[in-house]
Protein backbone atom coordinates (compact mmCIF):
# COMPACT_ATOMS: atom_id res chain seq x y z
CA MET A 1 50.71 -0.24 -87.77
CA GLY A 2 50.26 -2.47 -84.71
CA ASN A 3 47.00 -3.47 -83.06
CA PRO A 4 45.99 -0.56 -80.77
CA GLY A 5 45.51 -1.65 -77.19
CA GLY A 6 46.32 -5.26 -78.01
CA VAL A 7 42.70 -5.96 -78.95
CA SER A 8 42.21 -9.08 -81.07
CA LEU A 9 40.94 -8.16 -84.51
CA VAL A 10 38.60 -10.82 -85.92
CA SER A 11 37.04 -10.41 -89.35
CA ALA A 12 33.31 -10.83 -89.89
CA LYS A 13 34.01 -14.10 -91.69
CA GLU A 14 36.25 -15.40 -88.91
CA ALA A 15 33.99 -14.32 -86.03
CA PRO A 16 31.52 -17.27 -86.19
CA LEU A 17 34.39 -19.76 -86.33
CA SER A 18 36.10 -18.05 -83.39
CA ALA A 19 32.89 -18.14 -81.34
CA ALA A 20 32.35 -21.80 -82.24
CA LYS A 21 35.87 -22.76 -81.19
CA CYS A 22 35.68 -20.90 -77.88
CA ALA A 23 32.20 -22.24 -77.06
CA ALA A 24 33.31 -25.81 -77.81
CA MET A 25 36.25 -25.47 -75.42
CA ARG A 26 33.78 -25.43 -72.53
CA PHE A 27 33.17 -29.12 -73.20
CA GLN A 28 36.79 -30.31 -73.24
CA LYS A 29 36.25 -32.56 -70.21
CA SER A 30 34.43 -35.00 -72.50
CA ARG A 31 35.95 -36.02 -75.82
CA PHE A 32 32.50 -36.85 -77.20
CA LEU A 33 30.91 -33.58 -76.07
CA HIS A 34 33.86 -31.53 -77.27
CA GLY A 35 33.67 -33.14 -80.71
CA TYR A 36 29.90 -32.68 -80.83
CA ALA A 37 30.09 -29.05 -79.70
CA LYS A 38 32.89 -28.17 -82.12
CA GLY A 39 31.09 -29.71 -85.08
CA LYS A 40 27.65 -28.36 -84.16
CA ALA A 41 28.78 -24.80 -83.46
CA SER A 42 30.99 -24.67 -86.55
CA TRP A 43 28.60 -26.17 -89.10
CA ASP A 44 25.11 -25.31 -87.91
CA PRO A 45 24.13 -22.10 -89.77
CA SER A 46 21.42 -21.28 -87.24
CA TYR A 47 24.02 -20.43 -84.57
CA PRO A 48 25.57 -17.39 -86.32
CA ALA A 49 22.12 -16.44 -87.65
CA VAL A 50 20.61 -16.38 -84.15
CA ALA A 51 23.64 -14.57 -82.74
CA GLY A 52 23.40 -11.93 -85.45
CA ILE A 53 19.71 -11.29 -84.80
CA LEU A 54 20.03 -11.18 -81.00
CA HIS A 55 23.37 -9.36 -80.78
CA HIS A 56 21.92 -5.96 -79.89
CA SER A 57 18.96 -7.18 -77.84
CA HIS A 58 18.88 -6.41 -74.12
CA ARG A 59 15.74 -8.46 -73.55
CA PRO A 60 16.09 -11.71 -71.61
CA LEU A 61 16.25 -14.83 -73.77
CA LEU A 62 14.39 -18.10 -73.26
CA ASP A 63 16.23 -21.01 -74.90
CA VAL A 64 13.71 -23.85 -75.21
CA GLY A 65 15.36 -27.23 -75.56
CA CYS A 66 18.76 -25.83 -74.58
CA GLY A 67 20.47 -29.22 -74.37
CA VAL A 68 23.94 -28.97 -72.83
CA GLY A 69 24.00 -25.16 -73.12
CA LEU A 70 26.00 -24.94 -76.32
CA LEU A 71 23.91 -22.17 -77.89
CA ALA A 72 24.20 -20.07 -74.71
CA ALA A 73 27.98 -20.47 -74.77
CA TYR A 74 28.08 -19.58 -78.47
CA LEU A 75 25.96 -16.47 -77.90
CA ARG A 76 28.23 -15.29 -75.10
CA GLU A 77 31.32 -15.87 -77.24
CA SER A 78 29.59 -13.88 -80.00
CA GLY A 79 29.12 -10.86 -77.74
CA CYS A 80 25.48 -11.37 -76.71
CA THR A 81 25.05 -10.22 -73.11
CA GLN A 82 21.33 -10.64 -72.33
CA PRO A 83 20.25 -12.95 -69.46
CA ILE A 84 19.57 -16.45 -70.81
CA LEU A 85 17.22 -19.01 -69.29
CA GLY A 86 17.62 -22.48 -70.79
CA ILE A 87 14.87 -25.09 -70.48
CA GLU A 88 15.64 -28.77 -71.18
CA PRO A 89 13.71 -31.98 -70.34
CA ASP A 90 16.84 -34.17 -70.15
CA ALA A 91 18.13 -33.89 -66.56
CA GLU A 92 21.59 -35.16 -67.51
CA LYS A 93 21.99 -32.46 -70.15
CA VAL A 94 20.86 -29.81 -67.67
CA ARG A 95 23.53 -30.98 -65.21
CA THR A 96 26.12 -30.79 -67.98
CA ALA A 97 25.05 -27.25 -68.89
CA ARG A 98 25.28 -26.18 -65.26
CA ASP A 99 28.64 -27.87 -64.68
CA LEU A 100 30.42 -26.84 -67.89
CA VAL A 101 28.74 -23.64 -69.10
CA ALA A 102 26.80 -21.75 -66.43
CA GLY A 103 29.85 -20.90 -64.32
CA CYS A 104 31.82 -19.56 -67.29
CA TYR A 105 29.53 -16.65 -68.15
CA PRO A 106 27.25 -14.25 -66.25
CA ASP A 107 23.45 -14.40 -66.22
CA LEU A 108 22.96 -17.99 -67.38
CA ASP A 109 20.35 -20.24 -65.79
CA PHE A 110 19.61 -23.81 -66.88
CA ARG A 111 16.53 -25.63 -65.60
CA GLU A 112 14.88 -28.96 -66.17
CA GLY A 113 11.54 -28.38 -67.87
CA ASP A 114 9.31 -29.16 -70.82
CA ALA A 115 8.40 -27.00 -73.80
CA ARG A 116 4.75 -27.80 -73.10
CA SER A 117 4.91 -26.13 -69.67
CA LEU A 118 7.08 -23.06 -70.16
CA PRO A 119 7.69 -20.71 -67.23
CA GLU A 120 6.29 -17.21 -67.08
CA PHE A 121 8.52 -15.12 -69.30
CA SER A 122 8.70 -12.02 -71.47
CA GLY A 123 11.55 -11.36 -73.89
CA ASP A 124 13.03 -13.15 -76.89
CA VAL A 125 12.61 -16.89 -77.43
CA VAL A 126 14.71 -19.46 -79.27
CA LEU A 127 13.41 -22.91 -80.21
CA LEU A 128 15.88 -24.85 -82.34
CA ASP A 129 15.04 -28.33 -83.66
CA VAL A 130 12.51 -29.11 -80.93
CA LEU A 131 9.06 -29.11 -82.52
CA HIS A 132 9.29 -32.38 -84.42
CA TYR A 133 9.67 -34.38 -81.21
CA MET A 134 6.08 -33.48 -80.27
CA GLU A 135 2.65 -34.58 -81.41
CA PRO A 136 0.93 -32.10 -83.78
CA ALA A 137 -1.52 -30.90 -81.10
CA ASP A 138 1.38 -30.22 -78.72
CA GLN A 139 3.25 -28.36 -81.46
CA ARG A 140 0.39 -25.91 -81.87
CA PHE A 141 0.14 -25.41 -78.11
CA VAL A 142 3.90 -24.79 -77.80
CA LEU A 143 3.90 -22.31 -80.70
CA GLU A 144 1.08 -20.38 -79.04
CA SER A 145 2.99 -20.45 -75.73
CA VAL A 146 6.10 -19.12 -77.46
CA ALA A 147 4.12 -16.34 -79.14
CA ALA A 148 2.67 -15.29 -75.78
CA ARG A 149 6.18 -14.90 -74.34
CA ILE A 150 7.54 -12.56 -77.01
CA ALA A 151 7.94 -9.10 -75.47
CA PRO A 152 6.86 -5.98 -77.39
CA GLY A 153 9.59 -5.34 -79.93
CA GLY A 154 10.99 -8.81 -79.31
CA CYS A 155 11.22 -11.91 -81.44
CA ALA A 156 11.02 -15.68 -81.46
CA LEU A 157 13.46 -17.69 -83.56
CA ILE A 158 12.32 -21.19 -84.47
CA ARG A 159 14.36 -23.62 -86.52
CA THR A 160 12.50 -26.64 -87.85
CA THR A 161 12.17 -28.92 -90.85
CA PHE A 162 9.10 -28.60 -93.03
CA ARG A 163 7.26 -31.75 -94.07
CA ASP A 164 7.22 -31.72 -97.87
CA SER A 165 8.20 -33.78 -100.91
CA SER A 166 11.79 -32.49 -101.24
CA TRP A 167 14.93 -34.62 -101.19
CA ARG A 168 16.10 -32.53 -98.26
CA TYR A 169 13.14 -33.71 -96.22
CA LEU A 170 14.06 -37.33 -96.98
CA ALA A 171 17.66 -36.63 -95.93
CA THR A 172 16.40 -35.14 -92.67
CA MET A 173 14.31 -38.20 -91.92
CA ILE A 174 17.31 -40.46 -92.50
CA GLU A 175 19.44 -38.31 -90.21
CA GLU A 176 16.83 -38.61 -87.46
CA VAL A 177 17.16 -42.41 -87.55
CA PHE A 178 20.88 -42.13 -86.79
CA VAL A 179 20.37 -39.49 -84.08
CA ARG A 180 17.91 -41.73 -82.25
CA ALA A 181 20.07 -44.81 -82.70
CA SER A 182 22.95 -42.94 -81.02
CA GLY A 183 20.81 -42.29 -77.93
CA TRP A 184 21.42 -38.51 -78.08
CA ILE A 185 17.66 -37.98 -78.49
CA ARG A 186 15.44 -40.38 -76.62
CA GLY A 187 12.13 -41.98 -77.61
CA GLY A 188 9.10 -40.90 -79.60
CA HIS A 189 8.38 -40.41 -83.27
CA CYS A 190 9.10 -37.49 -85.57
CA HIS A 191 6.20 -35.23 -86.55
CA PHE A 192 7.60 -32.53 -88.81
CA PRO A 193 5.16 -29.64 -89.35
CA THR A 194 4.20 -28.19 -92.70
CA ARG A 195 5.01 -24.58 -93.53
CA GLN A 196 1.28 -23.78 -93.43
CA GLU A 197 0.93 -25.17 -89.90
CA ILE A 198 3.70 -22.88 -88.69
CA GLU A 199 2.32 -19.81 -90.42
CA THR A 200 -1.19 -20.47 -89.12
CA ALA A 201 0.05 -20.48 -85.53
CA PHE A 202 1.28 -16.89 -85.83
CA GLN A 203 -1.63 -15.25 -87.60
CA SER A 204 -2.04 -12.13 -85.49
CA PRO A 205 -2.00 -8.43 -86.34
CA HIS A 206 0.70 -7.98 -83.68
CA LEU A 207 3.03 -10.67 -85.05
CA SER A 208 5.10 -10.58 -88.23
CA PRO A 209 6.58 -13.96 -89.22
CA SER A 210 9.24 -14.43 -91.88
CA ILE A 211 10.81 -17.68 -93.07
CA ARG A 212 14.14 -18.38 -94.72
CA PRO A 213 16.13 -21.52 -95.55
CA MET A 214 18.62 -22.47 -92.85
CA TRP A 215 20.38 -25.56 -94.13
CA GLY A 216 23.74 -23.97 -94.93
CA LYS A 217 26.13 -26.66 -96.17
CA THR A 218 24.00 -29.48 -94.76
CA PRO A 219 21.57 -31.58 -96.83
CA PHE A 220 18.71 -31.07 -94.37
CA ASN A 221 15.39 -29.31 -94.97
CA SER A 222 15.88 -26.76 -92.20
CA HIS A 223 14.24 -23.33 -92.09
CA LEU A 224 14.46 -20.45 -89.63
CA ILE A 225 11.20 -18.76 -88.70
CA GLU A 226 11.58 -15.29 -87.21
CA ILE A 227 8.46 -13.90 -85.51
CA ARG A 228 8.50 -10.25 -84.49
CA ARG A 229 6.03 -8.65 -82.08
CA ALA A 230 5.10 -5.03 -82.72
CA GLY A 231 5.86 -2.39 -80.11
CA GLY A 232 8.81 -1.81 -77.85
C-alpha cells in the first residue's frame, strides 16, 4: 500500500536523526557551523531527550545559553511548537541565531543576555551545559532564578557535569581544554557542581527533581536534571 496523502513516514528511531539533519541545514552558509550543528544535533543525547519531554508542552520555553539557536531549530524540526525565547551572552552567536534560525520558524526570539539576569518569565526552562562557566555562588543564584521561572505544571531541564572521581569527569575536563583552545567558549575557569549542590538548590515541596545520566555514546560525565513544579 502507498503512503496515504504523501506524508513522510519516519520511524521513532529515525526521527531524531531527521530532526538533526534538518536543523543543521539552517547553518549551511558556514562550513564550520554546519559541521558543528550536524555533529552536535546528531550525537548529543540531550537534544532528543529534551524534545521528547517538551513535545506536548504549550508553555513558552526559555532557552538559557542558546548559542547559535541550534536547540530551537532542533525542537521545531522535532514538532515542538511552543514560543521559544533564547538568551545568550555572546552577541555574535545571537546575531547568527537571528540571521540563520529565527526567520525559518515561527515564535522564536533570540536576545543578548546573561543567565545571572534572566528576564521575567513563566513556562519551561532549558539550561544545557551552562552552569560550569560560572562561579559556585552564581550557580546557586541561577538555579534559584530558573526554579522561580518554572510555571505550575512546567519543568526545567538542566544538563551539566557532576564533579566527582569518575573517569568520565576527567574526560570532561580534558574536553573543556580543547573547547576553550578553539575559541568557541571564551574565558573563565570551569566550576563543575556536585550532585548534592544541584539537589540542594531545588529542595522545595513544590518541586520534584529527578536525575539521569545523559552521556549517550560520549565519554563525558553529563547528567540531565528534570525539575517539575506541581500544579497546572
